[in-house]
Amino acid sequence: MGKYFGTDGFRGRANQTLTAVHAFRVGRFLGHYFARGRSGGARIVVGKDTRRSSYAFEYALASGAAASGADVYLLHVTTTPSVSFVTRTEAFDCGVMISASHNPFEDNGIKLFGGDGEKLACDVLELVEDYLEGGSLPFADGAAIGRTVDHVSGRNRYLAYLLSLPRVSFRGLRVGLDSANGSAWALSKAVFDALGAQVTAIGAAPDGLNINAGCGSTAPQALCALVRDQALDVGFAFDGDADRCICVDERGEVVDGDGILYACAREYAACGALDGNAVVATIASNTGLDRALAAEGIGCIRTDVGDKFVYEGMVKHGCTLGGESSGHIVFRKYATTGDGILTALKLAEMTIGRKCPFSCLTRGYVPLPQKTCSVRVRDRAAALADARVRAAAARAEVLCGGRVLLRASGTEPVVRILAEGTEALRLTEAVNMVERAVAAVGEGD
């Protein structure tokens, strides 16, 4: 991870860690870099989520790119996977999503995609960081100055693409949707309505300040209650930029990304579509996933946390399916990044095709108990390298009868702690033990 860009873009407190000046300068670099060696300017497509600061960052970035000679196509409020899709299918030089994903509205971020719809390569991000540190670039002049173009049509083409994927009607399927008051607030319901589902939507009244606030994939409790109270068949919860999907079965119980991976892997294997006969998961995925997949004769390949690394692992091993417990699920046949709405569509299609309750899709998957927490620190690397932290983690593993995973967040200044083991009652104690050690280092004790 660099000074500015982590595993999922440049993210921070709006107008403090990440400012409109940063956005302007990122735009200046992109407009210049992607026009190098040719006569015309670059073509850049930009989307944003619903948080208030997204408007300032969208126009600041567009202004910087146009000042470097790029034409900037604005999708306006849309999802991260739609930006990836439009970049890839409409031959844009790069795509930009203004979003802090599942973070609260006070934060924002800048995600960058290359022309192939994949996360921008690390060597290019290093060049962006060098420029942010004080580099200079010439401004475009005269007729070479770029412009902004309304490109809602690109978002509509993405909607049409989603509608083309299911092979069955959703008529009669009772679906709950929680869009986290974010990017998917209108798009997700429009898709399921058009496919014939009976939709009940929550988290669909964005005001710029309520994105991810007690709703969405990181807080699915309201969706659980909705599914139970209204006897719905299934619920789907997205995050702020809709690249994640967490499910709720007909009993009102949460199915996370690991459960989704298991369900999809079984379905794909049954129809001979699971290339490599394996899925790609991350080091944070539940050990129960490996065991359940092994019982089905399916392998599980692990990568670092981040859908960027999952996709790279899928390409390397020739796999069709991969994802994270957080709900980033990548269907390589259809997308190059996690797509919450696409995930929901595939699961709804599976439910109808199997003619069974949603819970039957995950039958056989028994996750091991886990406990997680995050500790805010000044220096993530120093905290992870500290001998006291490592010793506490070793003691915690013995205590919980399993494993303890510590990792630096790629999007926030925190260390994440995960304890997993057979001694469920001792997981909290194990996590607390490590949390105290990390906090002590973080405070400089």
Protein backbone atom coordinates (compact mmCIF):
# COMPACT_ATOMS: atom_id res chain seq x y z
CA MET A 1 0.00 0.00 0.00
CA GLY A 2 1.25 3.49 -0.85
CA LYS A 3 0.84 6.75 1.00
CA TYR A 4 -2.47 7.53 -0.68
CA PHE A 5 -3.77 4.42 -2.46
CA GLY A 6 -4.60 1.24 -0.56
CA THR A 7 -6.11 -2.03 -1.74
CA ASP A 8 -9.30 -0.29 -2.88
CA GLY A 9 -8.30 3.19 -3.93
CA PHE A 10 -7.54 6.49 -2.19
CA ARG A 11 -9.83 6.74 0.82
CA GLY A 12 -10.13 9.05 3.81
CA ARG A 13 -12.08 11.71 5.65
CA ALA A 14 -13.60 14.06 3.09
CA ASN A 15 -11.77 17.41 2.87
CA GLN A 16 -9.28 16.32 5.52
CA THR A 17 -7.35 13.21 4.46
CA LEU A 18 -8.86 13.35 0.97
CA THR A 19 -9.60 16.81 -0.40
CA ALA A 20 -11.06 18.28 -3.55
CA VAL A 21 -7.52 19.39 -4.43
CA HIS A 22 -6.43 15.74 -4.35
CA ALA A 23 -9.31 14.88 -6.68
CA PHE A 24 -8.37 17.72 -9.04
CA ARG A 25 -4.76 16.56 -9.16
CA VAL A 26 -5.73 12.91 -9.71
CA GLY A 27 -7.81 14.12 -12.65
CA ARG A 28 -4.90 16.20 -13.96
CA PHE A 29 -2.65 13.14 -13.90
CA LEU A 30 -5.16 10.78 -15.53
CA GLY A 31 -5.96 13.22 -18.31
CA HIS A 32 -2.28 13.67 -19.11
CA TYR A 33 -1.15 10.05 -18.65
CA PHE A 34 -3.78 8.42 -20.84
CA ALA A 35 -3.29 10.88 -23.69
CA ARG A 36 0.47 10.33 -23.94
CA GLY A 37 1.81 9.37 -27.36
CA ARG A 38 -1.28 10.24 -29.38
CA SER A 39 -2.86 13.29 -30.96
CA GLY A 40 -6.26 13.31 -29.23
CA GLY A 41 -7.16 13.63 -25.56
CA ALA A 42 -8.02 10.81 -23.19
CA ARG A 43 -11.57 9.55 -22.62
CA ILE A 44 -12.41 9.02 -18.95
CA VAL A 45 -15.71 7.85 -17.43
CA VAL A 46 -16.68 8.85 -13.88
CA GLY A 47 -19.35 7.64 -11.48
CA LYS A 48 -20.15 8.54 -7.88
CA ASP A 49 -22.15 7.32 -4.90
CA THR A 50 -24.75 9.27 -2.94
CA ARG A 51 -22.65 10.82 -0.16
CA ARG A 52 -22.69 14.61 -0.05
CA SER A 53 -19.00 15.10 -0.75
CA SER A 54 -19.14 12.96 -3.90
CA TYR A 55 -20.43 15.93 -5.90
CA ALA A 56 -17.44 18.11 -5.00
CA PHE A 57 -14.95 15.35 -5.76
CA GLU A 58 -16.68 14.38 -9.01
CA TYR A 59 -16.49 17.89 -10.43
CA ALA A 60 -13.01 18.56 -9.06
CA LEU A 61 -11.66 15.40 -10.71
CA ALA A 62 -13.52 16.12 -13.96
CA SER A 63 -12.16 19.67 -13.97
CA GLY A 64 -8.59 18.46 -13.49
CA ALA A 65 -8.89 15.86 -16.24
CA ALA A 66 -10.44 18.34 -18.68
CA ALA A 67 -7.66 20.82 -17.87
CA SER A 68 -5.22 18.13 -19.01
CA GLY A 69 -7.14 17.69 -22.26
CA ALA A 70 -9.42 14.72 -21.43
CA ASP A 71 -13.08 14.37 -22.28
CA VAL A 72 -14.84 13.26 -19.11
CA TYR A 73 -18.09 11.27 -19.33
CA LEU A 74 -20.27 11.54 -16.21
CA LEU A 75 -22.44 8.57 -15.20
CA HIS A 76 -23.58 10.50 -12.10
CA VAL A 77 -24.88 8.33 -9.21
CA THR A 78 -24.10 4.75 -10.14
CA THR A 79 -22.40 1.63 -8.85
CA THR A 80 -18.71 0.73 -8.86
CA PRO A 81 -19.26 -2.36 -11.06
CA SER A 82 -21.15 -0.24 -13.59
CA VAL A 83 -18.11 2.02 -13.93
CA SER A 84 -15.93 -1.05 -14.51
CA PHE A 85 -18.44 -2.38 -17.08
CA VAL A 86 -18.75 0.89 -19.01
CA THR A 87 -14.98 1.44 -19.01
CA ARG A 88 -14.40 -2.04 -20.44
CA THR A 89 -17.24 -2.23 -22.97
CA GLU A 90 -17.12 1.33 -24.34
CA ALA A 91 -13.36 1.57 -24.86
CA PHE A 92 -12.64 4.25 -22.29
CA ASP A 93 -9.03 4.82 -21.32
CA CYS A 94 -9.87 4.62 -17.64
CA GLY A 95 -12.77 4.72 -15.21
CA VAL A 96 -13.14 6.51 -11.89
CA MET A 97 -15.56 5.82 -9.06
CA ILE A 98 -16.01 8.42 -6.33
CA SER A 99 -16.96 6.37 -3.29
CA ALA A 100 -15.82 5.23 0.14
CA SER A 101 -17.77 1.98 -0.26
CA HIS A 102 -19.05 0.77 3.15
CA ASN A 103 -17.52 3.68 5.13
CA PRO A 104 -19.72 6.36 6.77
CA PHE A 105 -20.74 9.46 4.83
CA GLU A 106 -17.94 11.58 6.34
CA ASP A 107 -15.41 9.56 4.31
CA ASN A 108 -14.93 9.39 0.58
CA GLY A 109 -12.62 7.74 -1.90
CA ILE A 110 -11.34 7.50 -5.46
CA LYS A 111 -11.23 4.09 -7.17
CA LEU A 112 -9.43 3.82 -10.50
CA PHE A 113 -9.95 1.30 -13.31
CA GLY A 114 -7.87 0.63 -16.39
CA GLY A 115 -9.35 0.28 -19.87
CA ASP A 116 -9.87 -3.45 -19.26
CA GLY A 117 -12.26 -2.70 -16.39
CA GLU A 118 -9.80 -4.05 -13.82
CA LYS A 119 -8.33 -2.07 -10.92
CA LEU A 120 -5.60 0.21 -12.21
CA ALA A 121 -2.13 -1.38 -12.14
CA CYS A 122 0.10 -0.69 -9.13
CA ASP A 123 2.88 0.84 -11.25
CA VAL A 124 0.46 3.47 -12.56
CA LEU A 125 -0.83 4.16 -9.04
CA GLU A 126 2.76 4.79 -8.00
CA LEU A 127 3.02 7.43 -10.72
CA VAL A 128 -0.22 9.03 -9.48
CA GLU A 129 1.24 9.15 -5.96
CA ASP A 130 4.48 10.72 -7.22
CA TYR A 131 2.46 13.45 -8.90
CA LEU A 132 0.35 14.03 -5.78
CA GLU A 133 3.58 14.54 -3.84
CA GLY A 134 4.37 17.67 -5.85
CA GLY A 135 4.77 16.85 -9.51
CA SER A 136 3.90 19.27 -12.28
CA LEU A 137 2.19 18.81 -15.63
CA PRO A 138 1.40 21.14 -18.55
CA PHE A 139 -2.14 22.36 -19.01
CA ALA A 140 -3.98 21.76 -22.25
CA ASP A 141 -4.41 24.84 -24.40
CA GLY A 142 -6.98 26.13 -26.87
CA ALA A 143 -8.99 23.48 -28.67
CA ALA A 144 -7.07 20.77 -26.80
CA ILE A 145 -8.86 21.59 -23.53
CA GLY A 146 -11.23 18.78 -22.62
CA ARG A 147 -14.94 18.83 -21.83
CA THR A 148 -17.51 17.02 -19.68
CA VAL A 149 -20.26 14.92 -21.26
CA ASP A 150 -23.46 13.62 -19.66
CA HIS A 151 -23.32 9.84 -20.04
CA VAL A 152 -26.42 8.47 -18.35
CA SER A 153 -26.78 6.28 -21.44
CA GLY A 154 -23.78 4.27 -20.22
CA ARG A 155 -25.53 3.50 -16.96
CA ASN A 156 -28.63 2.47 -18.91
CA ARG A 157 -26.57 0.05 -20.99
CA TYR A 158 -25.28 -1.50 -17.78
CA LEU A 159 -28.89 -1.89 -16.59
CA ALA A 160 -29.77 -3.60 -19.87
CA TYR A 161 -26.79 -5.91 -19.45
CA LEU A 162 -27.95 -6.99 -16.00
CA LEU A 163 -31.45 -7.64 -17.31
CA SER A 164 -30.04 -9.86 -20.06
CA LEU A 165 -28.32 -12.28 -17.66
CA PRO A 166 -31.12 -14.25 -15.90
CA ARG A 167 -32.57 -17.10 -17.94
CA VAL A 168 -35.80 -17.28 -15.94
CA SER A 169 -38.54 -14.90 -14.87
CA PHE A 170 -38.55 -13.79 -11.24
CA ARG A 171 -42.33 -13.62 -11.22
CA GLY A 172 -43.69 -14.57 -7.81
CA LEU A 173 -40.34 -14.28 -6.02
CA ARG A 174 -40.71 -12.08 -2.93
CA VAL A 175 -37.49 -10.11 -2.52
CA GLY A 176 -36.27 -7.63 0.07
CA LEU A 177 -33.58 -5.15 -1.06
CA ASP A 178 -31.44 -2.97 1.21
CA SER A 179 -29.38 -0.56 -0.87
CA ALA A 180 -27.64 1.16 2.07
CA ASN A 181 -28.99 4.54 0.88
CA GLY A 182 -26.20 4.28 -1.65
CA SER A 183 -25.44 3.78 -5.32
CA ALA A 184 -27.92 0.95 -5.90
CA TRP A 185 -30.90 2.70 -4.34
CA ALA A 186 -32.80 3.03 -7.64
CA LEU A 187 -30.95 0.60 -9.92
CA SER A 188 -31.42 -2.58 -7.87
CA LYS A 189 -35.17 -2.20 -7.53
CA ALA A 190 -35.53 -1.31 -11.21
CA VAL A 191 -33.75 -4.54 -12.17
CA PHE A 192 -35.79 -6.83 -9.91
CA ASP A 193 -39.05 -5.06 -10.80
CA ALA A 194 -38.35 -5.51 -14.51
CA LEU A 195 -37.70 -9.23 -13.99
CA GLY A 196 -41.08 -9.69 -12.31
CA ALA A 197 -40.11 -10.00 -8.64
CA GLN A 198 -42.28 -8.64 -5.84
CA VAL A 199 -39.87 -6.14 -4.30
CA THR A 200 -39.84 -4.50 -0.89
CA ALA A 201 -37.06 -1.92 -0.65
CA ILE A 202 -35.38 -0.33 2.36
CA GLY A 203 -32.25 1.79 2.51
CA ALA A 204 -33.52 3.51 -0.62
CA ALA A 205 -33.92 7.14 0.48
CA PRO A 206 -30.44 8.72 0.21
CA ASP A 207 -30.01 12.24 1.56
CA GLY A 208 -26.23 12.51 1.26
CA LEU A 209 -25.71 11.85 4.96
CA ASN A 210 -27.33 8.46 5.60
CA ILE A 211 -25.29 6.17 3.33
CA ASN A 212 -24.46 2.92 5.21
CA ALA A 213 -26.05 4.34 8.38
CA GLY A 214 -27.52 1.31 10.17
CA CYS A 215 -28.31 -0.39 6.88
CA GLY A 216 -26.76 -2.25 3.98
CA SER A 217 -24.31 -5.13 3.89
CA THR A 218 -22.47 -4.09 7.06
CA ALA A 219 -25.68 -3.78 9.08
CA PRO A 220 -28.22 -6.28 7.71
CA GLN A 221 -30.35 -6.50 10.87
CA ALA A 222 -33.16 -4.37 9.43
CA LEU A 223 -33.26 -6.57 6.33
CA CYS A 224 -33.37 -9.70 8.50
CA ALA A 225 -36.39 -8.31 10.33
CA LEU A 226 -38.05 -7.31 7.06
CA VAL A 227 -37.67 -10.80 5.58
CA ARG A 228 -39.08 -12.44 8.71
CA ASP A 229 -41.92 -9.97 9.28
CA GLN A 230 -43.13 -9.99 5.67
CA ALA A 231 -42.40 -13.67 4.99
CA LEU A 232 -40.16 -12.86 2.02
CA ASP A 233 -38.31 -15.51 0.07
CA VAL A 234 -34.92 -13.81 0.23
CA GLY A 235 -33.21 -10.51 0.99
CA PHE A 236 -30.15 -8.86 -0.54
CA ALA A 237 -28.14 -6.10 1.13
CA PHE A 238 -25.60 -3.99 -0.78
CA ASP A 239 -22.96 -1.55 0.43
CA GLY A 240 -22.56 2.12 -0.48
CA ASP A 241 -21.18 1.51 -3.97
CA ALA A 242 -22.92 -1.85 -4.52
CA ASP A 243 -19.89 -4.01 -5.20
CA ARG A 244 -20.85 -6.19 -2.20
CA CYS A 245 -23.87 -8.36 -1.55
CA ILE A 246 -24.86 -10.02 1.73
CA CYS A 247 -27.92 -12.29 1.67
CA VAL A 248 -30.71 -13.06 4.11
CA ASP A 249 -32.48 -16.40 3.72
CA GLU A 250 -36.23 -17.01 4.16
CA ARG A 251 -35.69 -17.61 7.89
CA GLY A 252 -34.18 -14.16 8.34
CA GLU A 253 -30.65 -15.50 8.79
CA VAL A 254 -27.60 -13.85 7.25
CA VAL A 255 -25.61 -15.60 4.53
CA ASP A 256 -22.25 -13.88 4.08
CA GLY A 257 -19.85 -13.98 1.17
CA ASP A 258 -18.43 -17.36 2.17
CA GLY A 259 -21.90 -18.89 2.17
CA ILE A 260 -22.60 -17.30 -1.20
CA LEU A 261 -19.35 -18.71 -2.62
CA TYR A 262 -20.28 -22.18 -1.38
CA ALA A 263 -23.77 -22.01 -2.90
CA CYS A 264 -22.49 -20.76 -6.25
CA ALA A 265 -19.62 -23.26 -6.35
CA ARG A 266 -22.01 -26.19 -5.83
CA GLU A 267 -24.31 -24.88 -8.56
CA TYR A 268 -21.49 -24.29 -11.03
CA ALA A 269 -19.89 -27.66 -10.30
CA ALA A 270 -23.23 -29.44 -10.82
CA CYS A 271 -23.56 -28.02 -14.31
CA GLY A 272 -19.89 -28.38 -15.24
CA ALA A 273 -19.18 -24.64 -15.27
CA LEU A 274 -16.70 -24.41 -12.38
CA ASP A 275 -13.44 -23.92 -14.26
CA GLY A 276 -10.47 -25.28 -12.35
CA ASN A 277 -12.86 -27.13 -10.03
CA ALA A 278 -11.98 -24.56 -7.37
CA VAL A 279 -12.96 -21.16 -6.04
CA VAL A 280 -10.70 -18.31 -4.96
CA ALA A 281 -11.30 -16.96 -1.45
CA THR A 282 -9.17 -14.85 0.90
CA ILE A 283 -7.18 -15.53 4.05
CA ALA A 284 -10.09 -14.06 6.02
CA SER A 285 -12.63 -16.54 4.68
CA ASN A 286 -14.01 -19.10 7.10
CA THR A 287 -12.19 -22.42 7.42
CA GLY A 288 -15.64 -24.02 7.26
CA LEU A 289 -15.73 -22.98 3.60
CA ASP A 290 -12.69 -25.12 2.76
CA ARG A 291 -14.19 -28.09 4.60
CA ALA A 292 -17.63 -27.80 2.98
CA LEU A 293 -16.15 -27.39 -0.50
CA ALA A 294 -13.79 -30.34 0.04
CA ALA A 295 -16.79 -32.50 0.91
CA GLU A 296 -18.17 -31.60 -2.53
CA GLY A 297 -14.83 -32.35 -4.21
CA ILE A 298 -14.13 -28.65 -4.83
CA GLY A 299 -10.86 -26.86 -4.06
CA CYS A 300 -10.37 -23.51 -2.33
CA ILE A 301 -7.45 -21.22 -3.23
CA ARG A 302 -6.57 -18.39 -0.80
CA THR A 303 -5.32 -14.88 -1.58
CA ASP A 304 -4.76 -11.66 0.33
CA VAL A 305 -7.89 -9.70 1.27
CA GLY A 306 -9.29 -7.49 -1.49
CA ASP A 307 -11.35 -8.26 -4.59
CA LYS A 308 -8.40 -7.02 -6.68
CA PHE A 309 -6.32 -9.92 -5.32
CA VAL A 310 -9.22 -12.34 -5.70
CA TYR A 311 -9.57 -11.47 -9.37
CA GLU A 312 -5.82 -11.77 -9.94
CA GLY A 313 -5.93 -15.22 -8.29
CA MET A 314 -8.83 -16.24 -10.51
CA VAL A 315 -6.91 -15.26 -13.64
CA LYS A 316 -3.76 -17.00 -12.43
CA HIS A 317 -5.51 -20.29 -11.62
CA GLY A 318 -8.12 -20.18 -14.39
CA CYS A 319 -11.07 -20.03 -11.97
CA THR A 320 -14.58 -18.85 -12.78
CA LEU A 321 -15.67 -17.91 -9.28
CA GLY A 322 -14.13 -16.08 -6.35
CA GLY A 323 -14.95 -13.74 -3.53
CA GLU A 324 -14.67 -12.51 0.03
CA SER A 325 -16.66 -13.09 3.20
CA SER A 326 -17.54 -9.36 3.11
CA GLY A 327 -19.70 -10.00 0.04
CA HIS A 328 -17.42 -9.14 -2.88
CA ILE A 329 -18.26 -11.96 -5.28
CA VAL A 330 -16.60 -12.08 -8.70
CA PHE A 331 -18.21 -13.99 -11.57
CA ARG A 332 -15.35 -13.89 -14.04
CA LYS A 333 -17.56 -14.75 -17.01
CA TYR A 334 -19.58 -11.59 -16.46
CA ALA A 335 -17.40 -9.04 -14.62
CA THR A 336 -13.87 -8.12 -13.56
CA THR A 337 -14.82 -6.88 -10.09
CA GLY A 338 -17.32 -7.62 -7.33
CA ASP A 339 -20.89 -6.75 -8.31
CA GLY A 340 -23.61 -6.83 -5.65
CA ILE A 341 -26.60 -6.65 -7.98
CA LEU A 342 -25.15 -9.28 -10.31
CA THR A 343 -24.58 -11.56 -7.30
CA ALA A 344 -28.18 -11.07 -6.17
CA LEU A 345 -29.47 -11.90 -9.65
CA LYS A 346 -27.47 -15.12 -9.86
CA LEU A 347 -28.67 -16.25 -6.43
CA ALA A 348 -32.30 -15.41 -7.21
CA GLU A 349 -32.00 -17.38 -10.44
CA MET A 350 -30.55 -20.35 -8.54
CA THR A 351 -33.38 -20.24 -6.00
CA ILE A 352 -36.03 -20.34 -8.72
CA GLY A 353 -34.19 -23.00 -10.71
CA ARG A 354 -33.81 -25.28 -7.68
CA LYS A 355 -37.47 -24.77 -6.69
CA CYS A 356 -36.47 -24.72 -3.04
CA PRO A 357 -36.16 -22.22 -0.18
CA PHE A 358 -33.06 -20.06 -0.35
CA SER A 359 -31.58 -21.80 2.70
CA CYS A 360 -31.25 -25.06 0.77
CA LEU A 361 -28.56 -23.45 -1.40
CA THR A 362 -26.17 -23.31 1.56
CA ARG A 363 -27.03 -26.71 3.04
CA GLY A 364 -23.78 -28.44 3.98
CA TYR A 365 -21.86 -25.26 4.79
CA VAL A 366 -21.12 -25.04 8.53
CA PRO A 367 -18.92 -22.04 9.37
CA LEU A 368 -16.60 -22.15 12.34
CA PRO A 369 -17.34 -19.54 15.01
CA GLN A 370 -15.52 -16.25 14.42
CA LYS A 371 -15.08 -12.99 16.28
CA THR A 372 -13.68 -9.82 14.73
CA CYS A 373 -12.75 -6.29 15.72
CA SER A 374 -10.82 -3.32 14.36
CA VAL A 375 -8.33 -1.19 16.27
CA ARG A 376 -7.45 2.33 15.12
CA VAL A 377 -3.68 2.90 15.08
CA ARG A 378 -1.23 5.50 13.83
CA ASP A 379 1.15 3.01 12.21
CA ARG A 380 -0.39 -0.25 10.98
CA ALA A 381 2.92 -1.83 9.99
CA ALA A 382 4.53 -1.08 13.35
CA ALA A 383 1.59 -2.54 15.24
CA LEU A 384 1.67 -5.77 13.24
CA ALA A 385 5.44 -6.14 13.64
CA ASP A 386 5.48 -5.54 17.41
CA ALA A 387 6.66 -8.52 19.46
CA ARG A 388 3.98 -7.95 22.11
CA VAL A 389 1.24 -8.15 19.49
CA ARG A 390 2.66 -11.31 17.96
CA ALA A 391 2.96 -12.92 21.40
CA ALA A 392 -0.63 -11.98 22.27
CA ALA A 393 -1.84 -13.48 18.98
CA ALA A 394 -0.01 -16.75 19.72
CA ARG A 395 -1.60 -16.98 23.18
CA ALA A 396 -5.01 -16.17 21.69
CA GLU A 397 -4.73 -19.02 19.19
CA VAL A 398 -4.14 -21.51 22.00
CA LEU A 399 -7.06 -20.02 23.95
CA CYS A 400 -9.61 -20.29 21.12
CA GLY A 401 -8.36 -23.57 19.70
CA GLY A 402 -7.99 -22.21 16.20
CA ARG A 403 -6.36 -19.30 14.41
CA VAL A 404 -5.93 -15.56 14.86
CA LEU A 405 -5.49 -13.38 11.79
CA LEU A 406 -4.11 -9.85 12.06
CA ARG A 407 -3.93 -7.62 9.03
CA ALA A 408 -3.66 -3.98 8.13
CA SER A 409 -6.82 -2.57 6.56
CA GLY A 410 -6.28 -1.49 2.99
CA THR A 411 -8.87 1.28 3.28
CA GLU A 412 -8.69 2.65 6.85
CA PRO A 413 -5.95 3.36 9.47
CA VAL A 414 -6.88 0.28 11.48
CA VAL A 415 -5.60 -3.19 12.27
CA ARG A 416 -8.24 -5.88 11.83
CA ILE A 417 -8.32 -8.86 14.17
CA LEU A 418 -10.09 -12.13 13.40
CA ALA A 419 -10.25 -15.08 15.78
CA GLU A 420 -11.67 -18.37 14.58
CA GLY A 421 -11.81 -21.64 16.46
CA THR A 422 -13.62 -24.51 18.06
CA GLU A 423 -13.75 -22.85 21.50
CA ALA A 424 -16.56 -20.44 20.62
CA LEU A 425 -17.03 -19.16 24.17
CA ARG A 426 -13.39 -18.08 24.31
CA LEU A 427 -13.28 -16.17 21.03
CA THR A 428 -14.25 -12.85 22.64
CA GLU A 429 -11.56 -13.29 25.26
CA ALA A 430 -9.01 -14.14 22.55
CA VAL A 431 -9.90 -11.07 20.46
CA ASN A 432 -9.84 -8.81 23.51
CA MET A 433 -6.38 -10.07 24.42
CA VAL A 434 -4.99 -9.13 21.00
CA GLU A 435 -6.98 -5.90 20.85
CA ARG A 436 -5.36 -4.67 24.07
CA ALA A 437 -1.89 -5.43 22.73
CA VAL A 438 -2.54 -3.65 19.42
CA ALA A 439 -4.08 -0.65 21.18
CA ALA A 440 -1.09 -0.33 23.47
CA VAL A 441 1.29 -0.22 20.50
CA GLY A 442 -1.02 2.14 18.63
CA GLU A 443 -0.92 4.58 21.54
CA GLY A 444 2.86 4.42 21.67
CA ASP A 445 3.05 2.72 25.06
